[in-house]
Amino acid sequence: MGTISRLTYYPVKGCAGTTVQSADVTPAGLAHDREFIVTAADGDFRSQRRFPVMAAIRPRLLDGGTRLALSAPGIEDLTVEVQKDGQRHPASTFNWTGEGVHQGADAAEWFSIVVGQPSVLLGVTPEHDRVTSGETPGTARFADGHAILVISESSLDHLNERIAERGGKPVPMDRFRPNLVIRGWAEPHAEDSVRRMEAGGAEFAYAKLCVRCAVPMVDQETGKRSGPEPIRSLAAYHRDPAGGVLFGMKAAVTRPGQLEVGDEVMVHSSVGPIRSTEAAEPPLTATASLPAESV
């Protein structure tokens, strides 16, 4: 049986995360996760894929989420009142198009300076109603495609061993921007096999495997692309047969609840045994799985 070793939500899509000891789980993921999105004038989202400097932007929600504080190297900090409703602006991610609430001229100017392109900051609208794809449909705010990203420590340990064999330096977990990090699963990529799991009263179900882009090559502290690791080593051993490099499992929330670091993770269904590093456990009954799709 594994335990939760880290909980992280990302207030602004593409920017730095906030690591917490506990978090409410909503149908759309951890509370406040990807509640804001930075877009171009036409609504196309900004991300570290084209603007790696976004990793160095540190957003913080204050006063119960009523204010948003922003900091980044080389620019004065900014704090804005969160607009829960108001002027609408187009917004889009990979497979979703809708609207967001404009967060004002000051935030737009601040992000435009940091990313070097005219940009606006948008928040989730009260009527936001998005259906996500995958084996288990769900909902999400402004995430690429799904509510929750799960990665085990054993997966990262194995990847770093592969990188070391090539003479490279280990990479930290934040390169992969997970929401839930699991400690205690013995086999690397055990999360790939999980189909239904529970922790802290919340339940999660498999949606798809996470196909990685260039973002893991971005140093999340400096906002600079380092490359070619970890993608080079990962591509050598963990690929989707249909194409794409895999790392992590995307899940839908099937029952909201509250999570804390240290909560036990109970796997109720998997396509293979999920063994603990502390003691052998009997294998779970296998269930059918669907192939992953790229995002």
Protein backbone atom coordinates (compact mmCIF):
# COMPACT_ATOMS: atom_id res chain seq x y z
CA MET A 1 0.00 0.00 0.00
CA GLY A 2 1.37 3.40 -0.96
CA THR A 3 1.06 6.76 0.72
CA ILE A 4 0.79 10.31 -0.57
CA SER A 5 4.19 11.98 -0.22
CA ARG A 6 3.45 15.26 -2.00
CA LEU A 7 0.41 17.34 -2.96
CA THR A 8 0.74 20.19 -5.43
CA TYR A 9 -1.71 22.46 -7.17
CA TYR A 10 -0.86 24.97 -9.89
CA PRO A 11 -2.94 28.16 -9.53
CA VAL A 12 -1.98 29.51 -12.97
CA LYS A 13 -1.65 27.03 -15.81
CA GLY A 14 2.00 26.78 -16.87
CA CYS A 15 3.38 28.59 -13.82
CA ALA A 16 4.96 27.32 -10.60
CA GLY A 17 2.98 25.09 -8.27
CA THR A 18 2.05 25.39 -4.61
CA THR A 19 2.96 22.38 -2.48
CA VAL A 20 0.66 21.85 0.51
CA GLN A 21 0.18 19.43 3.41
CA SER A 22 -3.53 19.01 2.72
CA ALA A 23 -5.93 19.82 -0.09
CA ASP A 24 -9.62 19.62 -0.87
CA VAL A 25 -10.41 17.44 -3.86
CA THR A 26 -13.16 18.82 -6.08
CA PRO A 27 -14.68 17.19 -9.16
CA ALA A 28 -12.25 19.30 -11.23
CA GLY A 29 -9.14 18.29 -9.26
CA LEU A 30 -7.32 19.78 -6.27
CA ALA A 31 -8.93 23.02 -5.12
CA HIS A 32 -7.58 26.01 -7.09
CA ASP A 33 -5.62 23.84 -9.53
CA ARG A 34 -5.32 25.59 -12.92
CA GLU A 35 -7.90 28.14 -11.82
CA PHE A 36 -6.24 30.73 -14.05
CA ILE A 37 -4.85 30.64 -17.57
CA VAL A 38 -2.60 33.02 -19.52
CA THR A 39 -3.65 33.46 -23.14
CA ALA A 40 -2.94 35.46 -26.26
CA ALA A 41 -5.52 37.94 -27.50
CA ASP A 42 -7.26 35.19 -29.47
CA GLY A 43 -7.55 32.94 -26.40
CA ASP A 44 -4.77 30.50 -27.31
CA PHE A 45 -3.09 29.41 -24.07
CA ARG A 46 0.47 30.27 -23.11
CA SER A 47 2.60 27.44 -21.72
CA GLN A 48 6.18 26.44 -20.96
CA ARG A 49 6.32 24.67 -24.31
CA ARG A 50 6.86 28.03 -26.02
CA PHE A 51 7.53 30.22 -22.98
CA PRO A 52 9.72 28.29 -20.52
CA VAL A 53 10.13 31.45 -18.41
CA MET A 54 6.61 30.78 -17.10
CA ALA A 55 8.12 28.15 -14.78
CA ALA A 56 9.78 30.95 -12.81
CA ILE A 57 6.48 32.79 -12.24
CA ARG A 58 5.36 32.19 -8.65
CA PRO A 59 1.61 32.67 -8.13
CA ARG A 60 0.14 32.59 -4.61
CA LEU A 61 -3.51 32.70 -3.66
CA LEU A 62 -4.22 34.87 -0.63
CA ASP A 63 -7.18 35.44 1.68
CA GLY A 64 -9.03 32.30 0.73
CA GLY A 65 -8.49 32.78 -2.98
CA THR A 66 -9.81 36.34 -3.18
CA ARG A 67 -6.41 37.80 -4.13
CA LEU A 68 -3.63 36.53 -6.38
CA ALA A 69 0.00 37.48 -5.74
CA LEU A 70 2.46 37.19 -8.63
CA SER A 71 6.26 37.26 -8.56
CA ALA A 72 8.96 36.59 -11.16
CA PRO A 73 12.62 37.51 -11.62
CA GLY A 74 13.31 40.97 -13.01
CA ILE A 75 9.89 42.50 -12.42
CA GLU A 76 8.09 44.05 -9.47
CA ASP A 77 5.63 41.80 -7.66
CA LEU A 78 1.94 42.30 -8.36
CA THR A 79 -1.14 41.47 -6.31
CA VAL A 80 -4.60 41.63 -7.87
CA GLU A 81 -8.13 41.11 -6.63
CA VAL A 82 -9.52 37.94 -8.17
CA GLN A 83 -12.45 38.63 -10.45
CA LYS A 84 -14.86 35.73 -9.99
CA ASP A 85 -17.27 37.13 -12.57
CA GLY A 86 -17.13 39.90 -15.13
CA GLN A 87 -15.81 40.52 -18.63
CA ARG A 88 -15.49 37.31 -20.64
CA HIS A 89 -12.57 36.53 -22.93
CA PRO A 90 -11.96 33.54 -25.26
CA ALA A 91 -9.85 30.72 -23.81
CA SER A 92 -8.65 27.43 -25.24
CA THR A 93 -6.44 24.47 -24.39
CA PHE A 94 -5.57 21.42 -26.50
CA ASN A 95 -9.05 19.98 -26.81
CA TRP A 96 -11.31 22.56 -25.17
CA THR A 97 -12.54 25.99 -26.23
CA GLY A 98 -14.55 28.30 -24.01
CA GLU A 99 -14.26 31.50 -22.02
CA GLY A 100 -12.56 32.88 -18.94
CA VAL A 101 -13.06 35.90 -16.72
CA HIS A 102 -10.64 38.73 -17.58
CA GLN A 103 -8.50 39.55 -14.52
CA GLY A 104 -7.79 43.13 -15.49
CA ALA A 105 -5.32 45.35 -17.28
CA ASP A 106 -2.65 45.25 -14.56
CA ALA A 107 -2.38 41.45 -14.67
CA ALA A 108 -2.41 41.50 -18.47
CA GLU A 109 0.44 44.01 -18.60
CA TRP A 110 2.45 42.09 -15.99
CA PHE A 111 2.23 38.78 -17.86
CA SER A 112 2.89 40.49 -21.20
CA ILE A 113 6.18 41.81 -19.85
CA VAL A 114 7.25 38.49 -18.32
CA VAL A 115 6.50 36.28 -21.35
CA GLY A 116 7.47 38.92 -23.89
CA GLN A 117 4.21 38.70 -25.85
CA PRO A 118 0.84 40.47 -25.41
CA SER A 119 -1.09 38.33 -22.94
CA VAL A 120 -4.12 38.31 -20.68
CA LEU A 121 -4.86 36.49 -17.43
CA LEU A 122 -8.21 34.73 -17.21
CA GLY A 123 -10.02 32.96 -14.38
CA VAL A 124 -12.55 30.13 -14.42
CA THR A 125 -16.10 31.34 -15.04
CA PRO A 126 -18.93 30.45 -12.63
CA GLU A 127 -20.62 28.52 -15.44
CA HIS A 128 -17.47 26.59 -16.43
CA ASP A 129 -18.66 23.16 -17.55
CA ARG A 130 -16.01 21.04 -19.22
CA VAL A 131 -16.15 17.31 -19.94
CA THR A 132 -12.77 15.59 -20.15
CA SER A 133 -11.97 12.54 -22.28
CA GLY A 134 -10.41 9.17 -21.56
CA GLU A 135 -11.43 5.83 -20.11
CA THR A 136 -13.15 7.64 -17.23
CA PRO A 137 -14.74 10.96 -18.25
CA GLY A 138 -14.62 13.79 -15.75
CA THR A 139 -14.14 17.52 -15.58
CA ALA A 140 -11.24 19.96 -15.16
CA ARG A 141 -10.55 23.67 -15.06
CA PHE A 142 -7.75 24.88 -17.37
CA ALA A 143 -5.56 21.75 -17.21
CA ASP A 144 -4.36 20.31 -20.52
CA GLY A 145 -6.96 17.61 -20.37
CA HIS A 146 -7.66 16.00 -16.99
CA ALA A 147 -8.22 16.73 -13.32
CA ILE A 148 -5.35 14.85 -11.63
CA LEU A 149 -1.84 13.73 -12.56
CA VAL A 150 -0.41 10.87 -10.48
CA ILE A 151 3.27 9.85 -10.43
CA SER A 152 5.07 7.43 -8.10
CA GLU A 153 8.47 8.06 -6.55
CA SER A 154 9.66 4.70 -7.89
CA SER A 155 9.02 5.89 -11.45
CA LEU A 156 11.25 8.92 -10.96
CA ASP A 157 13.92 6.85 -9.18
CA HIS A 158 14.05 4.45 -12.11
CA LEU A 159 14.23 7.27 -14.64
CA ASN A 160 17.09 8.91 -12.76
CA GLU A 161 18.97 5.61 -12.76
CA ARG A 162 18.62 5.55 -16.55
CA ILE A 163 19.81 9.15 -16.80
CA ALA A 164 22.82 8.35 -14.58
CA GLU A 165 23.76 5.46 -16.87
CA ARG A 166 24.06 8.03 -19.66
CA GLY A 167 26.23 10.26 -17.49
CA GLY A 168 23.46 12.77 -16.82
CA LYS A 169 22.27 14.47 -13.64
CA PRO A 170 19.09 13.41 -11.84
CA VAL A 171 15.98 15.52 -12.31
CA PRO A 172 13.52 16.47 -9.55
CA MET A 173 9.87 15.50 -9.49
CA ASP A 174 8.73 19.05 -10.23
CA ARG A 175 9.88 18.65 -13.86
CA PHE A 176 6.74 16.54 -14.40
CA ARG A 177 4.28 18.79 -12.52
CA PRO A 178 2.21 16.09 -10.77
CA ASN A 179 -0.67 16.74 -8.38
CA LEU A 180 -0.26 13.52 -6.38
CA VAL A 181 3.09 11.83 -5.70
CA ILE A 182 2.90 8.30 -4.31
CA ARG A 183 5.54 6.67 -2.11
CA GLY A 184 5.74 2.95 -1.49
CA TRP A 185 4.85 1.35 -4.82
CA ALA A 186 7.70 -1.01 -5.61
CA GLU A 187 7.60 -1.20 -9.41
CA PRO A 188 8.38 1.83 -11.56
CA HIS A 189 5.32 3.08 -13.42
CA ALA A 190 2.92 1.15 -11.20
CA GLU A 191 0.56 4.10 -11.63
CA ASP A 192 0.13 3.08 -15.28
CA SER A 193 -1.72 -0.03 -14.11
CA VAL A 194 -4.03 1.61 -11.58
CA ARG A 195 -7.65 1.83 -12.66
CA ARG A 196 -9.36 2.91 -9.43
CA MET A 197 -7.83 4.17 -6.20
CA GLU A 198 -8.88 5.90 -3.00
CA ALA A 199 -7.15 8.19 -0.50
CA GLY A 200 -8.51 10.40 2.25
CA GLY A 201 -12.09 9.62 1.28
CA ALA A 202 -11.56 10.82 -2.29
CA GLU A 203 -11.69 8.41 -5.20
CA PHE A 204 -9.92 8.58 -8.55
CA ALA A 205 -10.28 6.55 -11.73
CA TYR A 206 -7.92 6.09 -14.66
CA ALA A 207 -8.47 8.35 -17.65
CA LYS A 208 -5.30 7.86 -19.72
CA LEU A 209 -1.52 7.76 -19.57
CA CYS A 210 0.30 11.07 -19.70
CA VAL A 211 2.09 11.70 -22.99
CA ARG A 212 4.96 14.09 -22.33
CA CYS A 213 6.00 17.13 -24.34
CA ALA A 214 9.12 19.29 -23.94
CA VAL A 215 8.11 20.80 -20.57
CA PRO A 216 10.09 18.25 -18.45
CA MET A 217 13.25 19.66 -20.05
CA VAL A 218 12.52 23.04 -18.42
CA ASP A 219 14.23 23.77 -15.09
CA GLN A 220 11.27 24.68 -12.88
CA GLU A 221 13.40 26.93 -10.68
CA THR A 222 15.08 29.05 -13.36
CA GLY A 223 12.54 28.87 -16.18
CA LYS A 224 15.25 27.84 -18.64
CA ARG A 225 15.21 24.83 -20.94
CA SER A 226 18.06 22.46 -20.17
CA GLY A 227 17.46 19.39 -22.40
CA PRO A 228 17.81 16.76 -23.66
CA GLU A 229 17.09 15.05 -20.34
CA PRO A 230 14.86 13.66 -19.03
CA ILE A 231 13.02 13.13 -22.32
CA ARG A 232 15.99 11.46 -24.05
CA SER A 233 16.34 8.70 -21.44
CA LEU A 234 12.60 8.31 -20.98
CA ALA A 235 12.09 7.87 -24.72
CA ALA A 236 14.51 4.94 -24.70
CA TYR A 237 12.31 2.74 -22.52
CA HIS A 238 8.80 4.08 -21.83
CA ARG A 239 6.92 4.90 -25.00
CA ASP A 240 3.35 4.51 -26.13
CA PRO A 241 3.24 2.02 -29.04
CA ALA A 242 0.98 4.52 -30.81
CA GLY A 243 3.62 7.23 -30.40
CA GLY A 244 4.74 9.54 -27.62
CA VAL A 245 6.81 9.35 -24.45
CA LEU A 246 4.88 8.37 -21.30
CA PHE A 247 5.30 9.40 -17.67
CA GLY A 248 2.44 9.47 -15.18
CA MET A 249 -1.25 8.63 -15.10
CA LYS A 250 -4.07 11.09 -15.60
CA ALA A 251 -7.17 10.49 -13.51
CA ALA A 252 -10.71 11.73 -13.13
CA VAL A 253 -12.17 12.48 -9.70
CA THR A 254 -15.03 10.07 -9.05
CA ARG A 255 -15.61 11.11 -5.44
CA PRO A 256 -14.49 14.44 -3.92
CA GLY A 257 -12.89 14.52 -0.50
CA GLN A 258 -9.82 15.82 1.30
CA LEU A 259 -6.24 14.61 1.03
CA GLU A 260 -3.30 14.94 3.39
CA VAL A 261 0.34 14.07 2.96
CA GLY A 262 0.75 10.65 4.55
CA ASP A 263 -2.70 9.38 3.58
CA GLU A 264 -2.75 5.74 2.56
CA VAL A 265 -3.56 5.05 -1.08
CA MET A 266 -5.80 2.02 -1.56
CA VAL A 267 -5.86 0.55 -5.05
CA HIS A 268 -9.27 -1.01 -5.69
CA SER A 269 -8.69 -2.03 -9.30
CA SER A 270 -5.67 -2.43 -11.56
CA VAL A 271 -4.51 -4.27 -14.68
CA GLY A 272 -1.67 -5.87 -12.73
CA PRO A 273 -0.38 -6.28 -9.17
CA ILE A 274 0.58 -3.11 -7.28
CA ARG A 275 3.23 -4.22 -4.80
CA SER A 276 4.39 -2.29 -1.76
CA THR A 277 8.05 -1.64 -1.00
CA GLU A 278 7.38 -2.65 2.62
CA ALA A 279 5.65 -6.00 2.16
CA ALA A 280 4.35 -8.19 -0.61
CA GLU A 281 0.65 -7.81 -1.31
CA PRO A 282 -1.66 -10.20 -3.17
CA PRO A 283 -2.27 -9.12 -6.77
CA LEU A 284 -5.51 -7.35 -7.54
CA THR A 285 -7.97 -8.64 -10.11
CA ALA A 286 -7.04 -7.36 -13.54
CA THR A 287 -9.49 -5.31 -15.56
CA ALA A 288 -9.55 -4.37 -19.21
CA SER A 289 -7.77 -1.19 -20.25
CA LEU A 290 -7.99 1.15 -23.19
CA PRO A 291 -4.97 2.51 -25.04
CA ALA A 292 -3.70 5.94 -24.10
CA GLU A 293 -4.25 8.90 -26.38
CA SER A 294 -1.93 11.84 -26.81
CA VAL A 295 -3.05 15.20 -25.49
